[in-house]
Every structure is written in structure tokens, then in C-alpha cells.
Amino acid sequence: MFALNAYNQYTGSVKRIRNRKNPFEIQRGFSDSDEIAIVLPHEFAVEFLPNNYELKSKFGEYKTKYIKKEDGSLIYERSLFITKGMYSNTDYDEYRLFIEQVSRNDNAKIILTKI
């Protein structure tokens, strides 16, 4: 069992603030995309592969795609786009949940079994 995205996981977190009074700003938006190819040894097979995932929000977009090829190799594609801007205090919880979902999915794991 291992995480396919071992090198570029989004590990940022957003502190929970129950009654936020002030707006917040994402000062620097960014775009990040990765493609990882993994060649599995012939004596291993994929037992579990996470589902493809897509998340769109006013704060950005996140997408993962897992492709199992016939030769036994895997392709993992990931893209993350964070939108800069000013957001109201009422948007804070939605932003926190967006970041949590990105972080959780970046840590998704696959399971291999020996044949």
C-alpha cells in the first residue's frame, strides 16, 4: 500500500475559526500539474485503485486521474489550480473544506498484491 502522489502532496491546512468576522485573501493563486508513470514488477497486480476525482469551487479546481494500462503500468495525473482573490468571512468554511478535500485526495493510496 502506498500513495501515488508521494512527492507533491498538498499538505497545507486551514485553521478552523467558528465565528470569523473578517474577509480573507488568497494573495497568490497558482497552477500545479503532475503526471507520474509507475511501472509495476510483473509479479504484482493492482488490488485497489482510488476513483478519479474532480472538485470545482470558487477557490479553484482540483482533479486526479488514475489510468491502469494493459502492460501493468500506472499513470497518475493531478492538477490543482488555486484562484487568488478576496473572499467574504462567510466563505471561510467552504475554503477550509476545499483545502481539506485536496489534502485528503493527495494522500490517496493504492494497494498492490503479489501474484
PDB file of N, CA and C in Angstrom:
ATOM      1  N   MET A   1       0.857  -1.164   0.000  1.00  0.00           N
ATOM      2  CA  MET A   1       0.000   0.000   0.000  1.00  0.00           C
ATOM      3  C   MET A   1       0.908   1.232   0.000  1.00  0.00           C
ATOM      4  N   PHE A   2       0.646   2.164  -0.917  1.00  0.00           N
ATOM      5  CA  PHE A   2       1.441   3.386  -0.949  1.00  0.00           C
ATOM      6  C   PHE A   2       0.671   4.500  -1.658  1.00  0.00           C
ATOM      7  N   ALA A   3       1.075   5.725  -1.373  1.00  0.00           N
ATOM      8  CA  ALA A   3       0.470   6.899  -2.005  1.00  0.00           C
ATOM      9  C   ALA A   3       1.159   7.136  -3.343  1.00  0.00           C
ATOM     10  N   LEU A   4       0.372   7.269  -4.397  1.00  0.00           N
ATOM     11  CA  LEU A   4       0.959   7.551  -5.713  1.00  0.00           C
ATOM     12  C   LEU A   4       1.574   8.945  -5.752  1.00  0.00           C
ATOM     13  N   ASN A   5       0.966   9.874  -5.067  1.00  0.00           N
ATOM     14  CA  ASN A   5       1.470  11.242  -5.056  1.00  0.00           C
ATOM     15  C   ASN A   5       2.381  11.437  -3.843  1.00  0.00           C
ATOM     16  N   ALA A   6       3.506  10.776  -3.861  1.00  0.00           N
ATOM     17  CA  ALA A   6       4.403  10.815  -2.717  1.00  0.00           C
ATOM     18  C   ALA A   6       5.276  12.078  -2.689  1.00  0.00           C
ATOM     19  N   TYR A   7       5.424  12.760  -3.814  1.00  0.00           N
ATOM     20  CA  TYR A   7       6.379  13.855  -3.893  1.00  0.00           C
ATOM     21  C   TYR A   7       5.769  15.245  -3.874  1.00  0.00           C
ATOM     22  N   ASN A   8       4.523  15.384  -4.232  1.00  0.00           N
ATOM     23  CA  ASN A   8       3.952  16.729  -4.342  1.00  0.00           C
ATOM     24  C   ASN A   8       2.569  16.794  -3.702  1.00  0.00           C
ATOM     25  N   GLN A   9       2.450  16.293  -2.502  1.00  0.00           N
ATOM     26  CA  GLN A   9       1.166  16.347  -1.805  1.00  0.00           C
ATOM     27  C   GLN A   9       0.937  17.751  -1.268  1.00  0.00           C
ATOM     28  N   TYR A  10      -0.292  18.211  -1.376  1.00  0.00           N
ATOM     29  CA  TYR A  10      -0.663  19.491  -0.787  1.00  0.00           C
ATOM     30  C   TYR A  10      -0.954  19.230   0.680  1.00  0.00           C
ATOM     31  N   THR A  11      -0.076  19.695   1.547  1.00  0.00           N
ATOM     32  CA  THR A  11      -0.216  19.404   2.967  1.00  0.00           C
ATOM     33  C   THR A  11      -0.664  20.620   3.759  1.00  0.00           C
ATOM     34  N   GLY A  12      -0.991  21.693   3.063  1.00  0.00           N
ATOM     35  CA  GLY A  12      -1.454  22.887   3.756  1.00  0.00           C
ATOM     36  C   GLY A  12      -2.774  22.633   4.451  1.00  0.00           C
ATOM     37  N   SER A  13      -2.971  23.304   5.549  1.00  0.00           N
ATOM     38  CA  SER A  13      -4.248  23.200   6.237  1.00  0.00           C
ATOM     39  C   SER A  13      -4.708  24.601   6.598  1.00  0.00           C
ATOM     40  N   VAL A  14      -5.986  24.711   6.844  1.00  0.00           N
ATOM     41  CA  VAL A  14      -6.569  25.998   7.188  1.00  0.00           C
ATOM     42  C   VAL A  14      -7.179  25.858   8.573  1.00  0.00           C
ATOM     43  N   LYS A  15      -6.793  26.722   9.459  1.00  0.00           N
ATOM     44  CA  LYS A  15      -7.266  26.674  10.841  1.00  0.00           C
ATOM     45  C   LYS A  15      -8.775  26.909  10.887  1.00  0.00           C
ATOM     46  N   ARG A  16      -9.441  26.126  11.712  1.00  0.00           N
ATOM     47  CA  ARG A  16     -10.892  26.267  11.870  1.00  0.00           C
ATOM     48  C   ARG A  16     -11.175  27.466  12.773  1.00  0.00           C
ATOM     49  N   ILE A  17     -11.977  28.404  12.265  1.00  0.00           N
ATOM     50  CA  ILE A  17     -12.403  29.577  13.028  1.00  0.00           C
ATOM     51  C   ILE A  17     -13.925  29.627  12.938  1.00  0.00           C
ATOM     52  N   ARG A  18     -14.577  29.398  14.050  1.00  0.00           N
ATOM     53  CA  ARG A  18     -16.036  29.248  14.048  1.00  0.00           C
ATOM     54  C   ARG A  18     -16.784  30.532  13.703  1.00  0.00           C
ATOM     55  N   ASN A  19     -16.428  31.639  14.266  1.00  0.00           N
ATOM     56  CA  ASN A  19     -17.161  32.891  14.031  1.00  0.00           C
ATOM     57  C   ASN A  19     -16.235  33.940  13.423  1.00  0.00           C
ATOM     58  N   ARG A  20     -15.773  33.658  12.247  1.00  0.00           N
ATOM     59  CA  ARG A  20     -14.846  34.571  11.583  1.00  0.00           C
ATOM     60  C   ARG A  20     -15.576  35.870  11.260  1.00  0.00           C
ATOM     61  N   LYS A  21     -14.945  36.987  11.578  1.00  0.00           N
ATOM     62  CA  LYS A  21     -15.567  38.303  11.386  1.00  0.00           C
ATOM     63  C   LYS A  21     -15.041  39.036  10.149  1.00  0.00           C
ATOM     64  N   ASN A  22     -13.811  38.732   9.753  1.00  0.00           N
ATOM     65  CA  ASN A  22     -13.167  39.479   8.671  1.00  0.00           C
ATOM     66  C   ASN A  22     -13.084  38.661   7.394  1.00  0.00           C
ATOM     67  N   PRO A  23     -13.051  39.359   6.250  1.00  0.00           N
ATOM     68  CA  PRO A  23     -12.835  38.646   4.984  1.00  0.00           C
ATOM     69  C   PRO A  23     -11.403  38.103   4.949  1.00  0.00           C
ATOM     70  N   PHE A  24     -11.124  37.263   3.973  1.00  0.00           N
ATOM     71  CA  PHE A  24      -9.770  36.726   3.834  1.00  0.00           C
ATOM     72  C   PHE A  24      -9.349  36.828   2.378  1.00  0.00           C
ATOM     73  N   GLU A  25      -8.044  36.740   2.161  1.00  0.00           N
ATOM     74  CA  GLU A  25      -7.495  36.896   0.815  1.00  0.00           C
ATOM     75  C   GLU A  25      -6.544  35.750   0.496  1.00  0.00           C
ATOM     76  N   ILE A  26      -6.685  35.228  -0.711  1.00  0.00           N
ATOM     77  CA  ILE A  26      -5.676  34.331  -1.265  1.00  0.00           C
ATOM     78  C   ILE A  26      -4.805  35.240  -2.121  1.00  0.00           C
ATOM     79  N   GLN A  27      -3.616  35.548  -1.608  1.00  0.00           N
ATOM     80  CA  GLN A  27      -2.765  36.548  -2.252  1.00  0.00           C
ATOM     81  C   GLN A  27      -2.135  36.065  -3.540  1.00  0.00           C
ATOM     82  N   ARG A  28      -1.815  34.784  -3.579  1.00  0.00           N
ATOM     83  CA  ARG A  28      -1.151  34.266  -4.768  1.00  0.00           C
ATOM     84  C   ARG A  28      -1.854  33.008  -5.234  1.00  0.00           C
ATOM     85  N   GLY A  29      -2.510  33.114  -6.348  1.00  0.00           N
ATOM     86  CA  GLY A  29      -3.067  31.923  -6.960  1.00  0.00           C
ATOM     87  C   GLY A  29      -1.948  31.164  -7.651  1.00  0.00           C
ATOM     88  N   PHE A  30      -2.188  29.920  -7.958  1.00  0.00           N
ATOM     89  CA  PHE A  30      -1.165  29.147  -8.657  1.00  0.00           C
ATOM     90  C   PHE A  30      -1.802  27.970  -9.376  1.00  0.00           C
ATOM     91  N   SER A  31      -1.039  27.418 -10.270  1.00  0.00           N
ATOM     92  CA  SER A  31      -1.441  26.235 -11.016  1.00  0.00           C
ATOM     93  C   SER A  31      -0.327  25.205 -10.881  1.00  0.00           C
ATOM     94  N   ASP A  32      -0.720  23.970 -10.628  1.00  0.00           N
ATOM     95  CA  ASP A  32       0.253  22.909 -10.416  1.00  0.00           C
ATOM     96  C   ASP A  32      -0.276  21.655 -11.100  1.00  0.00           C
ATOM     97  N   SER A  33       0.540  21.031 -11.926  1.00  0.00           N
ATOM     98  CA  SER A  33       0.102  19.782 -12.557  1.00  0.00           C
ATOM     99  C   SER A  33       1.259  18.787 -12.569  1.00  0.00           C
ATOM    100  N   ASP A  34       0.895  17.525 -12.386  1.00  0.00           N
ATOM    101  CA  ASP A  34       1.874  16.444 -12.331  1.00  0.00           C
ATOM    102  C   ASP A  34       1.371  15.259 -13.126  1.00  0.00           C
ATOM    103  N   GLU A  35       2.301  14.513 -13.647  1.00  0.00           N
ATOM    104  CA  GLU A  35       1.992  13.221 -14.258  1.00  0.00           C
ATOM    105  C   GLU A  35       3.091  12.263 -13.820  1.00  0.00           C
ATOM    106  N   ILE A  36       2.670  11.178 -13.182  1.00  0.00           N
ATOM    107  CA  ILE A  36       3.613  10.195 -12.664  1.00  0.00           C
ATOM    108  C   ILE A  36       3.329   8.867 -13.339  1.00  0.00           C
ATOM    109  N   ALA A  37       4.369   8.257 -13.895  1.00  0.00           N
ATOM    110  CA  ALA A  37       4.234   6.937 -14.505  1.00  0.00           C
ATOM    111  C   ALA A  37       4.943   5.933 -13.604  1.00  0.00           C
ATOM    112  N   ILE A  38       4.262   4.844 -13.318  1.00  0.00           N
ATOM    113  CA  ILE A  38       4.820   3.805 -12.454  1.00  0.00           C
ATOM    114  C   ILE A  38       4.764   2.483 -13.198  1.00  0.00           C
ATOM    115  N   VAL A  39       5.908   1.835 -13.284  1.00  0.00           N
ATOM    116  CA  VAL A  39       5.983   0.513 -13.896  1.00  0.00           C
ATOM    117  C   VAL A  39       6.057  -0.503 -12.758  1.00  0.00           C
ATOM    118  N   LEU A  40       5.035  -1.344 -12.673  1.00  0.00           N
ATOM    119  CA  LEU A  40       4.978  -2.349 -11.611  1.00  0.00           C
ATOM    120  C   LEU A  40       5.746  -3.597 -12.026  1.00  0.00           C
ATOM    121  N   PRO A  41       6.401  -4.234 -11.081  1.00  0.00           N
ATOM    122  CA  PRO A  41       7.041  -5.521 -11.387  1.00  0.00           C
ATOM    123  C   PRO A  41       5.979  -6.530 -11.837  1.00  0.00           C
ATOM    124  N   HIS A  42       6.352  -7.471 -12.673  1.00  0.00           N
ATOM    125  CA  HIS A  42       5.401  -8.429 -13.238  1.00  0.00           C
ATOM    126  C   HIS A  42       4.713  -9.284 -12.184  1.00  0.00           C
ATOM    127  N   GLU A  43       5.342  -9.468 -11.028  1.00  0.00           N
ATOM    128  CA  GLU A  43       4.738 -10.323 -10.008  1.00  0.00           C
ATOM    129  C   GLU A  43       3.733  -9.583  -9.106  1.00  0.00           C
ATOM    130  N   PHE A  44       3.431  -8.317  -9.423  1.00  0.00           N
ATOM    131  CA  PHE A  44       2.453  -7.552  -8.648  1.00  0.00           C
ATOM    132  C   PHE A  44       1.272  -7.133  -9.515  1.00  0.00           C
ATOM    133  N   ALA A  45       0.112  -7.071  -8.876  1.00  0.00           N
ATOM    134  CA  ALA A  45      -1.102  -6.603  -9.548  1.00  0.00           C
ATOM    135  C   ALA A  45      -1.784  -5.577  -8.654  1.00  0.00           C
ATOM    136  N   VAL A  46      -2.541  -4.689  -9.266  1.00  0.00           N
ATOM    137  CA  VAL A  46      -3.263  -3.666  -8.515  1.00  0.00           C
ATOM    138  C   VAL A  46      -4.530  -4.287  -7.944  1.00  0.00           C
ATOM    139  N   GLU A  47      -4.644  -4.253  -6.627  1.00  0.00           N
ATOM    140  CA  GLU A  47      -5.844  -4.763  -5.961  1.00  0.00           C
ATOM    141  C   GLU A  47      -6.873  -3.651  -5.786  1.00  0.00           C
ATOM    142  N   PHE A  48      -6.402  -2.435  -5.460  1.00  0.00           N
ATOM    143  CA  PHE A  48      -7.306  -1.302  -5.270  1.00  0.00           C
ATOM    144  C   PHE A  48      -6.681  -0.059  -5.859  1.00  0.00           C
ATOM    145  N   LEU A  49      -7.464   0.672  -6.630  1.00  0.00           N
ATOM    146  CA  LEU A  49      -7.057   1.932  -7.226  1.00  0.00           C
ATOM    147  C   LEU A  49      -8.124   2.963  -6.886  1.00  0.00           C
ATOM    148  N   PRO A  50      -7.777   4.121  -6.324  1.00  0.00           N
ATOM    149  CA  PRO A  50      -8.794   5.125  -5.996  1.00  0.00           C
ATOM    150  C   PRO A  50      -9.556   5.571  -7.246  1.00  0.00           C
ATOM    151  N   ASN A  51     -10.731   6.086  -7.025  1.00  0.00           N
ATOM    152  CA  ASN A  51     -11.531   6.621  -8.127  1.00  0.00           C
ATOM    153  C   ASN A  51     -10.956   7.948  -8.588  1.00  0.00           C
ATOM    154  N   ASN A  52     -11.168   8.255  -9.861  1.00  0.00           N
ATOM    155  CA  ASN A  52     -10.819   9.581 -10.356  1.00  0.00           C
ATOM    156  C   ASN A  52     -11.643  10.595  -9.574  1.00  0.00           C
ATOM    157  N   TYR A  53     -11.093  11.776  -9.385  1.00  0.00           N
ATOM    158  CA  TYR A  53     -11.757  12.766  -8.534  1.00  0.00           C
ATOM    159  C   TYR A  53     -11.670  14.135  -9.182  1.00  0.00           C
ATOM    160  N   GLU A  54     -12.761  14.886  -9.076  1.00  0.00           N
ATOM    161  CA  GLU A  54     -12.790  16.241  -9.612  1.00  0.00           C
ATOM    162  C   GLU A  54     -13.542  17.139  -8.644  1.00  0.00           C
ATOM    163  N   LEU A  55     -12.968  18.299  -8.354  1.00  0.00           N
ATOM    164  CA  LEU A  55     -13.553  19.244  -7.417  1.00  0.00           C
ATOM    165  C   LEU A  55     -13.435  20.637  -8.015  1.00  0.00           C
ATOM    166  N   LYS A  56     -14.572  21.316  -8.126  1.00  0.00           N
ATOM    167  CA  LYS A  56     -14.578  22.688  -8.643  1.00  0.00           C
ATOM    168  C   LYS A  56     -15.252  23.578  -7.605  1.00  0.00           C
ATOM    169  N   SER A  57     -14.647  24.735  -7.401  1.00  0.00           N
ATOM    170  CA  SER A  57     -15.194  25.685  -6.447  1.00  0.00           C
ATOM    171  C   SER A  57     -14.742  27.075  -6.859  1.00  0.00           C
ATOM    172  N   LYS A  58     -15.247  28.088  -6.182  1.00  0.00           N
ATOM    173  CA  LYS A  58     -14.817  29.454  -6.491  1.00  0.00           C
ATOM    174  C   LYS A  58     -13.361  29.678  -6.108  1.00  0.00           C
ATOM    175  N   PHE A  59     -12.803  28.773  -5.280  1.00  0.00           N
ATOM    176  CA  PHE A  59     -11.420  28.896  -4.833  1.00  0.00           C
ATOM    177  C   PHE A  59     -10.437  28.221  -5.777  1.00  0.00           C
ATOM    178  N   GLY A  60     -10.953  27.404  -6.686  1.00  0.00           N
ATOM    179  CA  GLY A  60     -10.072  26.747  -7.629  1.00  0.00           C
ATOM    180  C   GLY A  60     -10.624  25.429  -8.118  1.00  0.00           C
ATOM    181  N   GLU A  61      -9.754  24.664  -8.741  1.00  0.00           N
ATOM    182  CA  GLU A  61     -10.129  23.362  -9.291  1.00  0.00           C
ATOM    183  C   GLU A  61      -9.054  22.347  -8.942  1.00  0.00           C
ATOM    184  N   TYR A  62      -9.511  21.120  -8.722  1.00  0.00           N
ATOM    185  CA  TYR A  62      -8.609  20.029  -8.389  1.00  0.00           C
ATOM    186  C   TYR A  62      -9.104  18.792  -9.130  1.00  0.00           C
ATOM    187  N   LYS A  63      -8.147  18.050  -9.700  1.00  0.00           N
ATOM    188  CA  LYS A  63      -8.529  16.872 -10.475  1.00  0.00           C
ATOM    189  C   LYS A  63      -7.439  15.818 -10.387  1.00  0.00           C
ATOM    190  N   THR A  64      -7.859  14.568 -10.162  1.00  0.00           N
ATOM    191  CA  THR A  64      -6.922  13.448 -10.223  1.00  0.00           C
ATOM    192  C   THR A  64      -7.482  12.399 -11.177  1.00  0.00           C
ATOM    193  N   LYS A  65      -6.569  11.715 -11.835  1.00  0.00           N
ATOM    194  CA  LYS A  65      -6.965  10.671 -12.775  1.00  0.00           C
ATOM    195  C   LYS A  65      -5.962   9.530 -12.661  1.00  0.00           C
ATOM    196  N   TYR A  66      -6.498   8.317 -12.534  1.00  0.00           N
ATOM    197  CA  TYR A  66      -5.681   7.108 -12.444  1.00  0.00           C
ATOM    198  C   TYR A  66      -5.934   6.272 -13.691  1.00  0.00           C
ATOM    199  N   ILE A  67      -4.886   5.951 -14.410  1.00  0.00           N
ATOM    200  CA  ILE A  67      -5.024   5.176 -15.635  1.00  0.00           C
ATOM    201  C   ILE A  67      -4.206   3.895 -15.480  1.00  0.00           C
ATOM    202  N   LYS A  68      -4.888   2.771 -15.553  1.00  0.00           N
ATOM    203  CA  LYS A  68      -4.216   1.476 -15.483  1.00  0.00           C
ATOM    204  C   LYS A  68      -4.037   0.991 -16.914  1.00  0.00           C
ATOM    205  N   LYS A  69      -2.794   0.813 -17.322  1.00  0.00           N
ATOM    206  CA  LYS A  69      -2.511   0.391 -18.691  1.00  0.00           C
ATOM    207  C   LYS A  69      -2.439  -1.133 -18.766  1.00  0.00           C
ATOM    208  N   GLU A  70      -2.586  -1.640 -19.978  1.00  0.00           N
ATOM    209  CA  GLU A  70      -2.602  -3.085 -20.181  1.00  0.00           C
ATOM    210  C   GLU A  70      -1.273  -3.760 -19.881  1.00  0.00           C
ATOM    211  N   ASP A  71      -0.185  -3.018 -19.986  1.00  0.00           N
ATOM    212  CA  ASP A  71       1.124  -3.610 -19.696  1.00  0.00           C
ATOM    213  C   ASP A  71       1.426  -3.665 -18.194  1.00  0.00           C
ATOM    214  N   GLY A  72       0.450  -3.267 -17.365  1.00  0.00           N
ATOM    215  CA  GLY A  72       0.615  -3.320 -15.917  1.00  0.00           C
ATOM    216  C   GLY A  72       1.121  -2.033 -15.306  1.00  0.00           C
ATOM    217  N   SER A  73       1.435  -1.055 -16.111  1.00  0.00           N
ATOM    218  CA  SER A  73       1.911   0.215 -15.568  1.00  0.00           C
ATOM    219  C   SER A  73       0.721   1.108 -15.195  1.00  0.00           C
ATOM    220  N   LEU A  74       1.018   2.130 -14.419  1.00  0.00           N
ATOM    221  CA  LEU A  74       0.002   3.082 -13.977  1.00  0.00           C
ATOM    222  C   LEU A  74       0.425   4.491 -14.357  1.00  0.00           C
ATOM    223  N   ILE A  75      -0.558   5.302 -14.679  1.00  0.00           N
ATOM    224  CA  ILE A  75      -0.330   6.724 -14.907  1.00  0.00           C
ATOM    225  C   ILE A  75      -1.212   7.472 -13.915  1.00  0.00           C
ATOM    226  N   TYR A  76      -0.611   8.405 -13.190  1.00  0.00           N
ATOM    227  CA  TYR A  76      -1.340   9.237 -12.238  1.00  0.00           C
ATOM    228  C   TYR A  76      -1.230  10.673 -12.713  1.00  0.00           C
ATOM    229  N   GLU A  77      -2.368  11.303 -12.964  1.00  0.00           N
ATOM    230  CA  GLU A  77      -2.393  12.698 -13.390  1.00  0.00           C
ATOM    231  C   GLU A  77      -3.093  13.518 -12.318  1.00  0.00           C
ATOM    232  N   ARG A  78      -2.510  14.669 -11.992  1.00  0.00           N
ATOM    233  CA  ARG A  78      -3.074  15.530 -10.956  1.00  0.00           C
ATOM    234  C   ARG A  78      -2.923  16.977 -11.387  1.00  0.00           C
ATOM    235  N   SER A  79      -3.971  17.754 -11.170  1.00  0.00           N
ATOM    236  CA  SER A  79      -3.876  19.188 -11.418  1.00  0.00           C
ATOM    237  C   SER A  79      -4.579  19.930 -10.291  1.00  0.00           C
ATOM    238  N   LEU A  80      -3.972  21.036  -9.890  1.00  0.00           N
ATOM    239  CA  LEU A  80      -4.524  21.888  -8.844  1.00  0.00           C
ATOM    240  C   LEU A  80      -4.369  23.326  -9.295  1.00  0.00           C
ATOM    241  N   PHE A  81      -5.467  24.054  -9.264  1.00  0.00           N
ATOM    242  CA  PHE A  81      -5.467  25.474  -9.610  1.00  0.00           C
ATOM    243  C   PHE A  81      -6.136  26.216  -8.472  1.00  0.00           C
ATOM    244  N   ILE A  82      -5.411  27.145  -7.858  1.00  0.00           N
ATOM    245  CA  ILE A  82      -5.953  27.959  -6.769  1.00  0.00           C
ATOM    246  C   ILE A  82      -6.149  29.378  -7.303  1.00  0.00           C
ATOM    247  N   THR A  83      -7.341  29.913  -7.097  1.00  0.00           N
ATOM    248  CA  THR A  83      -7.705  31.233  -7.607  1.00  0.00           C
ATOM    249  C   THR A  83      -7.424  32.301  -6.553  1.00  0.00           C
ATOM    250  N   LYS A  84      -6.629  33.300  -6.929  1.00  0.00           N
ATOM    251  CA  LYS A  84      -6.380  34.385  -5.987  1.00  0.00           C
ATOM    252  C   LYS A  84      -7.609  35.287  -5.924  1.00  0.00           C
ATOM    253  N   GLY A  85      -7.740  35.992  -4.808  1.00  0.00           N
ATOM    254  CA  GLY A  85      -8.850  36.931  -4.684  1.00  0.00           C
ATOM    255  C   GLY A  85      -9.223  37.201  -3.239  1.00  0.00           C
ATOM    256  N   MET A  86     -10.149  38.129  -3.077  1.00  0.00           N
ATOM    257  CA  MET A  86     -10.708  38.468  -1.762  1.00  0.00           C
ATOM    258  C   MET A  86     -12.015  37.709  -1.611  1.00  0.00           C
ATOM    259  N   TYR A  87     -12.228  37.147  -0.429  1.00  0.00           N
ATOM    260  CA  TYR A  87     -13.419  36.351  -0.149  1.00  0.00           C
ATOM    261  C   TYR A  87     -14.027  36.810   1.171  1.00  0.00           C
ATOM    262  N   SER A  88     -15.327  36.695   1.282  1.00  0.00           N
ATOM    263  CA  SER A  88     -16.016  37.144   2.483  1.00  0.00           C
ATOM    264  C   SER A  88     -15.793  36.166   3.636  1.00  0.00           C
ATOM    265  N   ASN A  89     -16.053  36.618   4.832  1.00  0.00           N
ATOM    266  CA  ASN A  89     -15.888  35.769   6.008  1.00  0.00           C
ATOM    267  C   ASN A  89     -16.813  34.549   5.961  1.00  0.00           C
ATOM    268  N   THR A  90     -17.937  34.649   5.273  1.00  0.00           N
ATOM    269  CA  THR A  90     -18.863  33.519   5.186  1.00  0.00           C
ATOM    270  C   THR A  90     -18.343  32.417   4.265  1.00  0.00           C
ATOM    271  N   ASP A  91     -17.374  32.735   3.420  1.00  0.00           N
ATOM    272  CA  ASP A  91     -16.777  31.742   2.514  1.00  0.00           C
ATOM    273  C   ASP A  91     -15.667  30.932   3.174  1.00  0.00           C
ATOM    274  N   TYR A  92     -15.270  31.324   4.363  1.00  0.00           N
ATOM    275  CA  TYR A  92     -14.103  30.723   5.003  1.00  0.00           C
ATOM    276  C   TYR A  92     -14.248  29.216   5.222  1.00  0.00           C
ATOM    277  N   ASP A  93     -15.376  28.776   5.751  1.00  0.00           N
ATOM    278  CA  ASP A  93     -15.567  27.337   6.000  1.00  0.00           C
ATOM    279  C   ASP A  93     -15.537  26.535   4.703  1.00  0.00           C
ATOM    280  N   GLU A  94     -16.125  27.087   3.651  1.00  0.00           N
ATOM    281  CA  GLU A  94     -16.107  26.409   2.349  1.00  0.00           C
ATOM    282  C   GLU A  94     -14.670  26.284   1.836  1.00  0.00           C
ATOM    283  N   TYR A  95     -13.871  27.326   2.030  1.00  0.00           N
ATOM    284  CA  TYR A  95     -12.469  27.285   1.624  1.00  0.00           C
ATOM    285  C   TYR A  95     -11.702  26.234   2.433  1.00  0.00           C
ATOM    286  N   ARG A  96     -11.931  26.194   3.736  1.00  0.00           N
ATOM    287  CA  ARG A  96     -11.269  25.227   4.596  1.00  0.00           C
ATOM    288  C   ARG A  96     -11.592  23.796   4.148  1.00  0.00           C
ATOM    289  N   LEU A  97     -12.856  23.534   3.821  1.00  0.00           N
ATOM    290  CA  LEU A  97     -13.260  22.207   3.355  1.00  0.00           C
ATOM    291  C   LEU A  97     -12.644  21.877   2.000  1.00  0.00           C
ATOM    292  N   PHE A  98     -12.541  22.863   1.122  1.00  0.00           N
ATOM    293  CA  PHE A  98     -11.893  22.666  -0.182  1.00  0.00           C
ATOM    294  C   PHE A  98     -10.446  22.201   0.014  1.00  0.00           C
ATOM    295  N   ILE A  99      -9.702  22.896   0.871  1.00  0.00           N
ATOM    296  CA  ILE A  99      -8.305  22.546   1.132  1.00  0.00           C
ATOM    297  C   ILE A  99      -8.205  21.172   1.783  1.00  0.00           C
ATOM    298  N   GLU A 100      -9.107  20.839   2.691  1.00  0.00           N
ATOM    299  CA  GLU A 100      -9.112  19.515   3.329  1.00  0.00           C
ATOM    300  C   GLU A 100      -9.312  18.407   2.302  1.00  0.00           C
ATOM    301  N   GLN A 101     -10.233  18.619   1.364  1.00  0.00           N
ATOM    302  CA  GLN A 101     -10.506  17.602   0.342  1.00  0.00           C
ATOM    303  C   GLN A 101      -9.297  17.416  -0.575  1.00  0.00           C
ATOM    304  N   VAL A 102      -8.639  18.493  -0.931  1.00  0.00           N
ATOM    305  CA  VAL A 102      -7.433  18.402  -1.762  1.00  0.00           C
ATOM    306  C   VAL A 102      -6.358  17.615  -1.012  1.00  0.00           C
ATOM    307  N   SER A 103      -6.138  17.956   0.233  1.00  0.00           N
ATOM    308  CA  SER A 103      -5.122  17.281   1.033  1.00  0.00           C
ATOM    309  C   SER A 103      -5.449  15.796   1.210  1.00  0.00           C
ATOM    310  N   ARG A 104      -6.698  15.478   1.468  1.00  0.00           N
ATOM    311  CA  ARG A 104      -7.118  14.078   1.662  1.00  0.00           C
ATOM    312  C   ARG A 104      -6.922  13.274   0.380  1.00  0.00           C
ATOM    313  N   ASN A 105      -7.295  13.843  -0.757  1.00  0.00           N
ATOM    314  CA  ASN A 105      -7.160  13.125  -2.023  1.00  0.00           C
ATOM    315  C   ASN A 105      -5.712  13.018  -2.485  1.00  0.00           C
ATOM    316  N   ASP A 106      -4.883  13.981  -2.136  1.00  0.00           N
ATOM    317  CA  ASP A 106      -3.461  13.877  -2.469  1.00  0.00           C
ATOM    318  C   ASP A 106      -2.796  12.730  -1.716  1.00  0.00           C
ATOM    319  N   ASN A 107      -3.403  12.303  -0.628  1.00  0.00           N
ATOM    320  CA  ASN A 107      -2.845  11.219   0.172  1.00  0.00           C
ATOM    321  C   ASN A 107      -3.534   9.874  -0.131  1.00  0.00           C
ATOM    322  N   ALA A 108      -4.320   9.801  -1.195  1.00  0.00           N
ATOM    323  CA  ALA A 108      -4.991   8.555  -1.554  1.00  0.00           C
ATOM    324  C   ALA A 108      -3.955   7.478  -1.859  1.00  0.00           C
ATOM    325  N   LYS A 109      -4.275   6.262  -1.484  1.00  0.00           N
ATOM    326  CA  LYS A 109      -3.315   5.162  -1.624  1.00  0.00           C
ATOM    327  C   LYS A 109      -3.853   4.076  -2.549  1.00  0.00           C
ATOM    328  N   ILE A 110      -2.917   3.363  -3.172  1.00  0.00           N
ATOM    329  CA  ILE A 110      -3.271   2.177  -3.955  1.00  0.00           C
ATOM    330  C   ILE A 110      -2.779   0.954  -3.192  1.00  0.00           C
ATOM    331  N   ILE A 111      -3.398  -0.170  -3.473  1.00  0.00           N
ATOM    332  CA  ILE A 111      -2.998  -1.418  -2.830  1.00  0.00           C
ATOM    333  C   ILE A 111      -2.548  -2.393  -3.906  1.00  0.00           C
ATOM    334  N   LEU A 112      -1.379  -2.973  -3.704  1.00  0.00           N
ATOM    335  CA  LEU A 112      -0.835  -3.968  -4.622  1.00  0.00           C
ATOM    336  C   LEU A 112      -0.848  -5.334  -3.949  1.00  0.00           C
ATOM    337  N   THR A 113      -1.016  -6.372  -4.747  1.00  0.00           N
ATOM    338  CA  THR A 113      -0.908  -7.743  -4.233  1.00  0.00           C
ATOM    339  C   THR A 113       0.109  -8.490  -5.071  1.00  0.00           C
ATOM    340  N   LYS A 114       0.767  -9.421  -4.428  1.00  0.00           N
ATOM    341  CA  LYS A 114       1.725 -10.260  -5.139  1.00  0.00           C
ATOM    342  C   LYS A 114       0.973 -11.405  -5.790  1.00  0.00           C
ATOM    343  N   ILE A 115       1.257 -11.640  -7.053  1.00  0.00           N
ATOM    344  CA  ILE A 115       0.559 -12.694  -7.812  1.00  0.00           C
ATOM    345  C   ILE A 115       1.192 -14.038  -7.511  1.00  0.00           C
TER     346      ILE A 115
END
